[in-house]
Amino acid sequence: MKRFFLAFATVVLGLVLVPLAASAANTSAQIVNCAGTPSWCFSPKPIQITVNSTVTWTNGTALTHTATSDTAAWGTGNIAPGATSSAISFPTAGTFTYHCAIHPSMTGSVIVSAAAATSPPVRALAPGGGGAAPVWKGRVYRPTLPLGAGLLLVGLGLLAARRVGRDRTQRVGERIDKLPHQ
């Protein structure tokens, strides 16, 4: 019974993590001490992301701050010193200006582009040094299995092994633990 619950938990965890691995990227921004007036600022300035990405802000100062849209479309709420905001999603392209509601002279912007910027292909050695790594869509292709998919496969394997062990035939001289009708 313990193996069943372990396998079931692994499958559920895998199902939860697979969509997270496939979701859009999260970008981290900082609220930092900086020279000048005001003595705090957002970094990077501007934040550059692609459509459907999210941004979180981490407060690296000793005071509470916010990141609030100039149009009041979104806001992080108060971000305590050392804390990180919840993720703000940007589903459309455009430039979105924001400020700190507590310190209005702190300003920043998020530039959301429709597609990922393309760069020239980067050459790298294949794992094991066996020549150039394959390049696909301008990026070095390194086949990896996401954590969630790996857990899903392990869980399904455990469930299959449990099923095979339960349905196997009785060997001569082997003790019977439970009868089929119990």
N, C-alpha and C. Protein backbone atom coordinates (compact mmCIF):
# COMPACT_ATOMS: atom_id res chain seq x y z
N MET A 1 0.82 -1.19 0.00
CA MET A 1 0.00 0.00 0.00
C MET A 1 0.87 1.26 0.00
N LYS A 2 2.01 1.21 0.71
CA LYS A 2 2.91 2.36 0.74
C LYS A 2 3.45 2.66 -0.65
N ARG A 3 3.77 1.61 -1.41
CA ARG A 3 4.29 1.81 -2.77
C ARG A 3 3.25 2.48 -3.65
N PHE A 4 1.98 2.11 -3.45
CA PHE A 4 0.91 2.72 -4.25
C PHE A 4 0.84 4.22 -3.95
N PHE A 5 0.84 4.60 -2.68
CA PHE A 5 0.77 6.02 -2.34
C PHE A 5 2.01 6.77 -2.82
N LEU A 6 3.18 6.16 -2.75
CA LEU A 6 4.40 6.78 -3.26
C LEU A 6 4.29 6.99 -4.77
N ALA A 7 3.83 5.98 -5.47
CA ALA A 7 3.67 6.09 -6.92
C ALA A 7 2.63 7.14 -7.27
N PHE A 8 1.51 7.14 -6.56
CA PHE A 8 0.45 8.10 -6.82
C PHE A 8 0.94 9.53 -6.57
N ALA A 9 1.64 9.75 -5.47
CA ALA A 9 2.17 11.07 -5.16
C ALA A 9 3.17 11.52 -6.22
N THR A 10 3.99 10.61 -6.71
CA THR A 10 4.96 10.94 -7.74
C THR A 10 4.26 11.34 -9.03
N VAL A 11 3.22 10.62 -9.41
CA VAL A 11 2.46 10.95 -10.62
C VAL A 11 1.81 12.33 -10.47
N VAL A 12 1.17 12.57 -9.34
CA VAL A 12 0.51 13.87 -9.12
C VAL A 12 1.53 14.99 -9.16
N LEU A 13 2.66 14.82 -8.50
CA LEU A 13 3.70 15.84 -8.51
C LEU A 13 4.21 16.07 -9.93
N GLY A 14 4.37 15.01 -10.69
CA GLY A 14 4.80 15.13 -12.08
C GLY A 14 3.78 15.89 -12.91
N LEU A 15 2.50 15.60 -12.71
CA LEU A 15 1.45 16.31 -13.45
C LEU A 15 1.40 17.78 -13.10
N VAL A 16 1.72 18.12 -11.87
CA VAL A 16 1.74 19.52 -11.46
C VAL A 16 2.96 20.23 -12.04
N LEU A 17 4.12 19.58 -12.05
CA LEU A 17 5.35 20.24 -12.49
C LEU A 17 5.50 20.33 -13.99
N VAL A 18 4.92 19.43 -14.77
CA VAL A 18 5.06 19.48 -16.22
C VAL A 18 4.51 20.78 -16.78
N PRO A 19 3.29 21.23 -16.42
CA PRO A 19 2.82 22.51 -16.96
C PRO A 19 3.67 23.68 -16.49
N LEU A 20 4.20 23.61 -15.29
CA LEU A 20 5.04 24.70 -14.82
C LEU A 20 6.31 24.81 -15.64
N ALA A 21 6.87 23.68 -16.06
CA ALA A 21 8.08 23.71 -16.86
C ALA A 21 7.80 24.27 -18.25
N ALA A 22 6.59 24.09 -18.74
CA ALA A 22 6.25 24.55 -20.08
C ALA A 22 5.73 25.98 -20.10
N SER A 23 5.51 26.59 -18.94
CA SER A 23 4.96 27.93 -18.92
C SER A 23 5.99 28.97 -19.33
N ALA A 24 5.53 30.19 -19.55
CA ALA A 24 6.41 31.27 -19.98
C ALA A 24 7.41 31.61 -18.89
N ALA A 25 8.42 32.34 -19.27
CA ALA A 25 9.51 32.66 -18.36
C ALA A 25 9.10 33.69 -17.32
N ASN A 26 9.76 33.63 -16.18
CA ASN A 26 9.58 34.62 -15.13
C ASN A 26 10.85 35.46 -15.07
N THR A 27 10.68 36.75 -15.00
CA THR A 27 11.81 37.67 -14.90
C THR A 27 11.79 38.30 -13.52
N SER A 28 12.95 38.39 -12.90
CA SER A 28 13.06 39.00 -11.58
C SER A 28 13.57 40.42 -11.71
N ALA A 29 12.93 41.31 -11.00
CA ALA A 29 13.37 42.71 -10.92
C ALA A 29 13.71 43.00 -9.47
N GLN A 30 14.50 44.01 -9.26
CA GLN A 30 14.95 44.36 -7.91
C GLN A 30 14.55 45.79 -7.57
N ILE A 31 14.32 46.04 -6.31
CA ILE A 31 14.20 47.40 -5.78
C ILE A 31 15.46 47.57 -4.95
N VAL A 32 16.32 48.51 -5.37
CA VAL A 32 17.65 48.63 -4.77
C VAL A 32 17.93 50.05 -4.32
N ASN A 33 18.94 50.18 -3.47
CA ASN A 33 19.44 51.50 -3.12
C ASN A 33 20.27 52.01 -4.29
N CYS A 34 20.11 53.26 -4.67
CA CYS A 34 20.88 53.81 -5.77
C CYS A 34 21.28 55.25 -5.45
N ALA A 35 22.27 55.74 -6.15
CA ALA A 35 22.73 57.11 -5.93
C ALA A 35 21.72 58.08 -6.53
N GLY A 36 21.54 59.20 -5.91
CA GLY A 36 20.66 60.23 -6.45
C GLY A 36 19.37 60.34 -5.68
N THR A 37 18.45 61.08 -6.26
CA THR A 37 17.15 61.30 -5.63
C THR A 37 16.10 60.72 -6.55
N PRO A 38 15.23 59.83 -6.13
CA PRO A 38 15.20 59.24 -4.80
C PRO A 38 16.37 58.29 -4.59
N SER A 39 16.56 57.86 -3.37
CA SER A 39 17.71 57.00 -3.09
C SER A 39 17.38 55.52 -3.29
N TRP A 40 16.22 55.23 -3.89
CA TRP A 40 15.85 53.86 -4.24
C TRP A 40 15.45 53.84 -5.71
N CYS A 41 15.62 52.71 -6.37
CA CYS A 41 15.21 52.62 -7.77
C CYS A 41 14.90 51.18 -8.15
N PHE A 42 14.21 51.03 -9.29
CA PHE A 42 13.90 49.72 -9.84
C PHE A 42 15.04 49.29 -10.76
N SER A 43 15.36 48.01 -10.75
CA SER A 43 16.42 47.50 -11.61
C SER A 43 16.02 46.11 -12.10
N PRO A 44 16.16 45.77 -13.37
CA PRO A 44 16.69 46.61 -14.43
C PRO A 44 15.66 47.66 -14.86
N LYS A 45 16.16 48.66 -15.54
CA LYS A 45 15.30 49.76 -15.98
C LYS A 45 15.64 50.04 -17.42
N PRO A 46 14.84 49.65 -18.40
CA PRO A 46 13.55 48.99 -18.29
C PRO A 46 13.69 47.47 -18.18
N ILE A 47 12.59 46.83 -17.80
CA ILE A 47 12.51 45.37 -17.79
C ILE A 47 12.05 44.96 -19.18
N GLN A 48 12.75 44.03 -19.82
CA GLN A 48 12.37 43.58 -21.16
C GLN A 48 12.00 42.11 -21.13
N ILE A 49 10.76 41.82 -21.55
CA ILE A 49 10.25 40.45 -21.54
C ILE A 49 9.46 40.19 -22.82
N THR A 50 9.00 38.95 -22.99
CA THR A 50 8.14 38.60 -24.11
C THR A 50 6.72 38.37 -23.61
N VAL A 51 5.77 38.36 -24.54
CA VAL A 51 4.36 38.17 -24.22
C VAL A 51 4.16 36.90 -23.40
N ASN A 52 3.27 36.96 -22.43
CA ASN A 52 2.90 35.87 -21.51
C ASN A 52 3.98 35.55 -20.48
N SER A 53 4.99 36.40 -20.36
CA SER A 53 5.97 36.23 -19.29
C SER A 53 5.47 36.93 -18.04
N THR A 54 6.11 36.64 -16.92
CA THR A 54 5.74 37.28 -15.66
C THR A 54 6.95 37.99 -15.08
N VAL A 55 6.68 38.93 -14.19
CA VAL A 55 7.73 39.67 -13.50
C VAL A 55 7.44 39.63 -12.01
N THR A 56 8.49 39.40 -11.21
CA THR A 56 8.40 39.53 -9.76
C THR A 56 9.41 40.59 -9.34
N TRP A 57 9.08 41.34 -8.29
CA TRP A 57 9.98 42.35 -7.77
C TRP A 57 10.44 41.92 -6.38
N THR A 58 11.75 42.02 -6.11
CA THR A 58 12.32 41.71 -4.81
C THR A 58 12.82 43.01 -4.20
N ASN A 59 12.40 43.27 -2.97
CA ASN A 59 12.76 44.51 -2.28
C ASN A 59 14.08 44.32 -1.54
N GLY A 60 15.14 44.97 -2.04
CA GLY A 60 16.45 44.87 -1.41
C GLY A 60 16.78 46.07 -0.54
N THR A 61 15.77 46.83 -0.15
CA THR A 61 16.02 48.01 0.68
C THR A 61 15.44 47.81 2.08
N ALA A 62 15.60 48.80 2.94
CA ALA A 62 15.11 48.71 4.31
C ALA A 62 13.70 49.26 4.47
N LEU A 63 13.10 49.77 3.39
CA LEU A 63 11.75 50.32 3.45
C LEU A 63 10.79 49.49 2.60
N THR A 64 9.50 49.61 2.88
CA THR A 64 8.47 48.95 2.09
C THR A 64 8.25 49.73 0.80
N HIS A 65 8.06 49.00 -0.31
CA HIS A 65 7.81 49.62 -1.61
C HIS A 65 6.69 48.86 -2.32
N THR A 66 6.24 49.39 -3.47
CA THR A 66 5.29 48.71 -4.34
C THR A 66 5.78 48.85 -5.78
N ALA A 67 5.20 48.09 -6.67
CA ALA A 67 5.34 48.30 -8.11
C ALA A 67 3.90 48.37 -8.61
N THR A 68 3.45 49.56 -8.97
CA THR A 68 2.06 49.81 -9.32
C THR A 68 1.96 50.40 -10.71
N SER A 69 1.13 49.83 -11.55
CA SER A 69 0.93 50.32 -12.91
C SER A 69 0.46 51.77 -12.88
N ASP A 70 0.96 52.59 -13.80
CA ASP A 70 0.53 53.99 -13.89
C ASP A 70 -0.94 54.09 -14.28
N THR A 71 -1.49 53.05 -14.90
CA THR A 71 -2.90 53.03 -15.29
C THR A 71 -3.76 52.26 -14.29
N ALA A 72 -3.17 51.82 -13.19
CA ALA A 72 -3.84 51.03 -12.15
C ALA A 72 -4.34 49.68 -12.67
N ALA A 73 -3.75 49.18 -13.76
CA ALA A 73 -4.15 47.89 -14.31
C ALA A 73 -3.63 46.73 -13.47
N TRP A 74 -2.53 46.92 -12.77
CA TRP A 74 -1.95 45.88 -11.94
C TRP A 74 -1.11 46.52 -10.84
N GLY A 75 -0.82 45.75 -9.83
CA GLY A 75 0.02 46.23 -8.73
C GLY A 75 0.47 45.07 -7.87
N THR A 76 1.60 45.23 -7.24
CA THR A 76 2.14 44.17 -6.40
C THR A 76 1.63 44.24 -4.97
N GLY A 77 1.09 45.37 -4.57
CA GLY A 77 0.78 45.58 -3.17
C GLY A 77 2.10 45.89 -2.45
N ASN A 78 2.06 46.01 -1.15
CA ASN A 78 3.28 46.33 -0.39
C ASN A 78 4.27 45.16 -0.45
N ILE A 79 5.53 45.51 -0.71
CA ILE A 79 6.60 44.51 -0.70
C ILE A 79 7.52 44.88 0.46
N ALA A 80 7.51 44.06 1.49
CA ALA A 80 8.30 44.33 2.70
C ALA A 80 9.79 44.18 2.38
N PRO A 81 10.66 44.78 3.20
CA PRO A 81 12.11 44.62 2.99
C PRO A 81 12.49 43.14 2.95
N GLY A 82 13.23 42.76 1.90
CA GLY A 82 13.69 41.38 1.74
C GLY A 82 12.66 40.44 1.12
N ALA A 83 11.44 40.91 0.91
CA ALA A 83 10.38 40.06 0.36
C ALA A 83 10.32 40.16 -1.17
N THR A 84 9.62 39.21 -1.77
CA THR A 84 9.41 39.19 -3.22
C THR A 84 7.92 39.23 -3.49
N SER A 85 7.52 40.02 -4.49
CA SER A 85 6.11 40.15 -4.84
C SER A 85 5.60 38.89 -5.52
N SER A 86 4.28 38.80 -5.63
CA SER A 86 3.71 37.74 -6.45
C SER A 86 3.96 38.10 -7.91
N ALA A 87 3.88 37.12 -8.79
CA ALA A 87 4.19 37.33 -10.20
C ALA A 87 3.07 38.12 -10.87
N ILE A 88 3.46 39.10 -11.68
CA ILE A 88 2.53 39.88 -12.49
C ILE A 88 2.70 39.41 -13.93
N SER A 89 1.60 39.02 -14.57
CA SER A 89 1.64 38.49 -15.93
C SER A 89 1.40 39.60 -16.95
N PHE A 90 2.08 39.51 -18.08
CA PHE A 90 1.94 40.48 -19.16
C PHE A 90 1.52 39.74 -20.43
N PRO A 91 0.19 39.62 -20.69
CA PRO A 91 -0.31 38.83 -21.82
C PRO A 91 -0.28 39.55 -23.16
N THR A 92 -0.02 40.87 -23.17
CA THR A 92 -0.01 41.61 -24.44
C THR A 92 1.28 42.40 -24.59
N ALA A 93 1.64 42.66 -25.85
CA ALA A 93 2.84 43.43 -26.14
C ALA A 93 2.58 44.91 -25.86
N GLY A 94 3.65 45.63 -25.54
CA GLY A 94 3.54 47.07 -25.29
C GLY A 94 4.52 47.51 -24.24
N THR A 95 4.49 48.80 -23.93
CA THR A 95 5.32 49.36 -22.86
C THR A 95 4.40 49.74 -21.71
N PHE A 96 4.71 49.23 -20.53
CA PHE A 96 3.88 49.43 -19.36
C PHE A 96 4.69 50.16 -18.29
N THR A 97 4.33 51.41 -18.01
CA THR A 97 5.06 52.19 -17.00
C THR A 97 4.46 51.93 -15.63
N TYR A 98 5.31 52.04 -14.62
CA TYR A 98 4.87 51.80 -13.26
C TYR A 98 5.65 52.68 -12.29
N HIS A 99 5.22 52.72 -11.05
CA HIS A 99 5.86 53.54 -10.02
C HIS A 99 5.65 52.86 -8.66
N CYS A 100 6.31 53.39 -7.66
CA CYS A 100 6.09 52.96 -6.28
C CYS A 100 4.99 53.85 -5.71
N ALA A 101 3.89 53.26 -5.24
CA ALA A 101 2.77 54.04 -4.72
C ALA A 101 3.15 54.76 -3.43
N ILE A 102 4.16 54.29 -2.73
CA ILE A 102 4.60 54.93 -1.49
C ILE A 102 5.59 56.05 -1.79
N HIS A 103 6.44 55.84 -2.80
CA HIS A 103 7.47 56.82 -3.20
C HIS A 103 7.27 57.10 -4.69
N PRO A 104 6.33 58.00 -5.07
CA PRO A 104 5.94 58.19 -6.47
C PRO A 104 7.08 58.62 -7.41
N SER A 105 8.19 59.12 -6.86
CA SER A 105 9.29 59.50 -7.74
C SER A 105 10.10 58.28 -8.22
N MET A 106 9.83 57.10 -7.64
CA MET A 106 10.44 55.86 -8.13
C MET A 106 9.61 55.37 -9.31
N THR A 107 10.22 55.30 -10.48
CA THR A 107 9.48 54.89 -11.68
C THR A 107 10.25 53.81 -12.44
N GLY A 108 9.53 53.10 -13.29
CA GLY A 108 10.15 52.09 -14.13
C GLY A 108 9.21 51.75 -15.27
N SER A 109 9.65 50.84 -16.14
CA SER A 109 8.79 50.40 -17.23
C SER A 109 9.09 48.95 -17.57
N VAL A 110 8.06 48.29 -18.10
CA VAL A 110 8.17 46.91 -18.59
C VAL A 110 7.89 46.97 -20.07
N ILE A 111 8.86 46.53 -20.88
CA ILE A 111 8.68 46.49 -22.32
C ILE A 111 8.42 45.04 -22.70
N VAL A 112 7.22 44.80 -23.24
CA VAL A 112 6.80 43.44 -23.60
C VAL A 112 6.82 43.34 -25.12
N SER A 113 7.66 42.45 -25.66
CA SER A 113 7.74 42.27 -27.10
C SER A 113 6.92 41.06 -27.52
N ALA A 114 6.46 41.08 -28.77
CA ALA A 114 5.58 40.03 -29.27
C ALA A 114 6.29 38.69 -29.43
N ALA A 115 7.55 38.71 -29.79
CA ALA A 115 8.30 37.46 -30.00
C ALA A 115 9.66 37.59 -29.36
N ALA A 116 10.23 36.44 -29.06
CA ALA A 116 11.56 36.43 -28.47
C ALA A 116 12.56 36.99 -29.48
N ALA A 117 13.49 37.76 -28.98
CA ALA A 117 14.54 38.30 -29.85
C ALA A 117 15.41 37.16 -30.34
N THR A 118 15.74 37.22 -31.62
CA THR A 118 16.59 36.16 -32.16
C THR A 118 18.02 36.66 -32.22
N SER A 119 18.92 35.80 -31.95
CA SER A 119 20.34 36.13 -32.00
C SER A 119 21.02 35.14 -32.93
N PRO A 120 22.21 35.47 -33.40
CA PRO A 120 22.89 34.52 -34.29
C PRO A 120 23.14 33.21 -33.57
N PRO A 121 23.19 32.10 -34.32
CA PRO A 121 23.41 30.80 -33.69
C PRO A 121 24.70 30.77 -32.89
N VAL A 122 24.62 30.17 -31.73
CA VAL A 122 25.79 30.03 -30.86
C VAL A 122 26.31 28.62 -31.04
N ARG A 123 27.59 28.51 -31.29
CA ARG A 123 28.20 27.20 -31.43
C ARG A 123 28.75 26.76 -30.08
N ALA A 124 28.55 25.52 -29.77
CA ALA A 124 29.07 24.96 -28.53
C ALA A 124 29.44 23.51 -28.81
N LEU A 125 30.23 22.95 -27.95
CA LEU A 125 30.58 21.54 -28.10
C LEU A 125 29.44 20.68 -27.59
N ALA A 126 29.22 19.59 -28.28
CA ALA A 126 28.21 18.63 -27.84
C ALA A 126 28.70 18.00 -26.54
N PRO A 127 27.78 17.50 -25.71
CA PRO A 127 28.20 16.82 -24.50
C PRO A 127 29.22 15.73 -24.82
N GLY A 128 30.30 15.69 -24.10
CA GLY A 128 31.36 14.71 -24.34
C GLY A 128 32.39 15.21 -25.33
N GLY A 129 32.22 16.43 -25.85
CA GLY A 129 33.22 17.01 -26.74
C GLY A 129 33.21 16.42 -28.13
N GLY A 130 32.12 15.80 -28.55
CA GLY A 130 32.08 15.13 -29.85
C GLY A 130 31.69 16.04 -30.99
N GLY A 131 32.28 17.20 -31.10
CA GLY A 131 31.97 18.11 -32.19
C GLY A 131 30.96 19.15 -31.78
N ALA A 132 30.49 19.91 -32.76
CA ALA A 132 29.56 21.00 -32.47
C ALA A 132 28.20 20.46 -32.04
N ALA A 133 27.61 21.14 -31.08
CA ALA A 133 26.27 20.76 -30.63
C ALA A 133 25.27 21.18 -31.70
N PRO A 134 24.17 20.44 -31.84
CA PRO A 134 23.18 20.81 -32.84
C PRO A 134 22.50 22.14 -32.49
N VAL A 135 22.23 22.94 -33.52
CA VAL A 135 21.56 24.23 -33.33
C VAL A 135 20.19 24.12 -33.97
N TRP A 136 19.16 24.52 -33.22
CA TRP A 136 17.79 24.47 -33.72
C TRP A 136 17.12 25.78 -33.40
N LYS A 137 16.57 26.45 -34.41
CA LYS A 137 15.92 27.76 -34.26
C LYS A 137 16.84 28.76 -33.58
N GLY A 138 18.10 28.75 -33.96
CA GLY A 138 19.05 29.73 -33.43
C GLY A 138 19.55 29.45 -32.03
N ARG A 139 19.20 28.32 -31.44
CA ARG A 139 19.64 28.01 -30.08
C ARG A 139 20.33 26.65 -30.07
N VAL A 140 21.28 26.51 -29.18
CA VAL A 140 21.95 25.22 -29.02
C VAL A 140 20.93 24.25 -28.42
N TYR A 141 20.75 23.12 -29.09
CA TYR A 141 19.78 22.12 -28.65
C TYR A 141 20.44 21.15 -27.68
N ARG A 142 20.01 21.17 -26.46
CA ARG A 142 20.49 20.23 -25.46
C ARG A 142 19.28 19.47 -24.94
N PRO A 143 19.08 18.26 -25.41
CA PRO A 143 17.89 17.53 -24.99
C PRO A 143 17.93 17.26 -23.49
N THR A 144 16.90 17.70 -22.81
CA THR A 144 16.77 17.45 -21.38
C THR A 144 15.35 17.02 -21.09
N LEU A 145 15.18 16.29 -20.03
CA LEU A 145 13.87 15.85 -19.60
C LEU A 145 13.49 16.69 -18.40
N PRO A 146 12.44 17.51 -18.49
CA PRO A 146 12.06 18.33 -17.35
C PRO A 146 11.77 17.47 -16.12
N LEU A 147 11.97 18.07 -14.98
CA LEU A 147 11.79 17.38 -13.71
C LEU A 147 10.39 16.79 -13.60
N GLY A 148 9.38 17.54 -13.96
CA GLY A 148 8.01 17.06 -13.86
C GLY A 148 7.76 15.84 -14.73
N ALA A 149 8.26 15.87 -15.96
CA ALA A 149 8.08 14.73 -16.84
C ALA A 149 8.81 13.50 -16.30
N GLY A 150 9.99 13.73 -15.74
CA GLY A 150 10.75 12.62 -15.15
C GLY A 150 10.00 11.99 -13.98
N LEU A 151 9.44 12.83 -13.10
CA LEU A 151 8.67 12.30 -11.97
C LEU A 151 7.43 11.56 -12.45
N LEU A 152 6.80 12.09 -13.49
CA LEU A 152 5.62 11.43 -14.04
C LEU A 152 5.98 10.03 -14.55
N LEU A 153 7.09 9.92 -15.26
CA LEU A 153 7.50 8.61 -15.76
C LEU A 153 7.87 7.65 -14.63
N VAL A 154 8.56 8.14 -13.60
CA VAL A 154 8.90 7.28 -12.46
C VAL A 154 7.64 6.79 -11.77
N GLY A 155 6.68 7.69 -11.56
CA GLY A 155 5.43 7.31 -10.90
C GLY A 155 4.66 6.28 -11.70
N LEU A 156 4.57 6.48 -13.01
CA LEU A 156 3.88 5.50 -13.85
C LEU A 156 4.60 4.16 -13.84
N GLY A 157 5.93 4.20 -13.81
CA GLY A 157 6.70 2.97 -13.73
C GLY A 157 6.44 2.23 -12.43
N LEU A 158 6.37 2.97 -11.31
CA LEU A 158 6.07 2.34 -10.03
C LEU A 158 4.67 1.73 -10.02
N LEU A 159 3.71 2.46 -10.60
CA LEU A 159 2.35 1.91 -10.66
C LEU A 159 2.31 0.64 -11.51
N ALA A 160 3.02 0.66 -12.63
CA ALA A 160 3.06 -0.53 -13.50
C ALA A 160 3.73 -1.69 -12.78
N ALA A 161 4.82 -1.44 -12.06
CA ALA A 161 5.52 -2.50 -11.33
C ALA A 161 4.63 -3.08 -10.24
N ARG A 162 3.86 -2.24 -9.58
CA ARG A 162 2.94 -2.71 -8.53
C ARG A 162 1.88 -3.61 -9.14
N ARG A 163 1.37 -3.20 -10.29
CA ARG A 163 0.32 -3.98 -10.97
C ARG A 163 0.86 -5.34 -11.41
N VAL A 164 2.06 -5.37 -11.96
CA VAL A 164 2.66 -6.61 -12.42
C VAL A 164 2.89 -7.54 -11.23
N GLY A 165 3.39 -6.99 -10.12
CA GLY A 165 3.66 -7.81 -8.94
C GLY A 165 2.40 -8.40 -8.35
N ARG A 166 1.29 -7.68 -8.42
CA ARG A 166 0.05 -8.14 -7.83
C ARG A 166 -0.62 -9.21 -8.69
N ASP A 167 -0.46 -9.12 -10.00
CA ASP A 167 -1.16 -10.04 -10.90
C ASP A 167 -0.35 -11.28 -11.27
N ARG A 168 0.85 -11.40 -10.74
CA ARG A 168 1.65 -12.57 -11.13
C ARG A 168 1.07 -13.83 -10.50
N THR A 169 1.39 -14.96 -11.08
CA THR A 169 0.85 -16.22 -10.59
C THR A 169 1.61 -16.69 -9.35
N GLN A 170 0.96 -17.52 -8.58
CA GLN A 170 1.54 -18.06 -7.35
C GLN A 170 2.58 -19.12 -7.70
N ARG A 171 3.76 -19.08 -7.06
CA ARG A 171 4.78 -20.09 -7.28
C ARG A 171 4.55 -21.25 -6.32
N VAL A 172 5.01 -22.44 -6.68
CA VAL A 172 4.86 -23.63 -5.84
C VAL A 172 5.61 -23.39 -4.53
N GLY A 173 4.96 -23.69 -3.43
CA GLY A 173 5.57 -23.54 -2.12
C GLY A 173 5.54 -22.13 -1.58
N GLU A 174 4.99 -21.17 -2.33
CA GLU A 174 4.93 -19.78 -1.88
C GLU A 174 3.69 -19.59 -1.02
N ARG A 175 3.83 -18.84 0.04
CA ARG A 175 2.73 -18.61 0.97
C ARG A 175 1.67 -17.70 0.34
N ILE A 176 0.42 -17.96 0.65
CA ILE A 176 -0.68 -17.11 0.16
C ILE A 176 -0.98 -16.07 1.24
N ASP A 177 -0.84 -14.78 0.86
CA ASP A 177 -1.13 -13.72 1.83
C ASP A 177 -2.62 -13.44 1.92
N LYS A 178 -3.25 -13.27 0.76
CA LYS A 178 -4.68 -12.98 0.75
C LYS A 178 -5.33 -13.76 -0.38
N LEU A 179 -6.52 -14.18 -0.14
CA LEU A 179 -7.27 -14.86 -1.19
C LEU A 179 -7.93 -13.78 -2.06
N PRO A 180 -8.17 -14.06 -3.35
CA PRO A 180 -8.74 -13.08 -4.26
C PRO A 180 -10.07 -12.49 -3.80
N HIS A 181 -10.90 -13.26 -3.07
CA HIS A 181 -12.21 -12.78 -2.67
C HIS A 181 -12.16 -11.93 -1.40
N GLN A 182 -11.02 -11.76 -0.77
CA GLN A 182 -10.93 -10.96 0.46
C GLN A 182 -10.67 -9.52 0.16
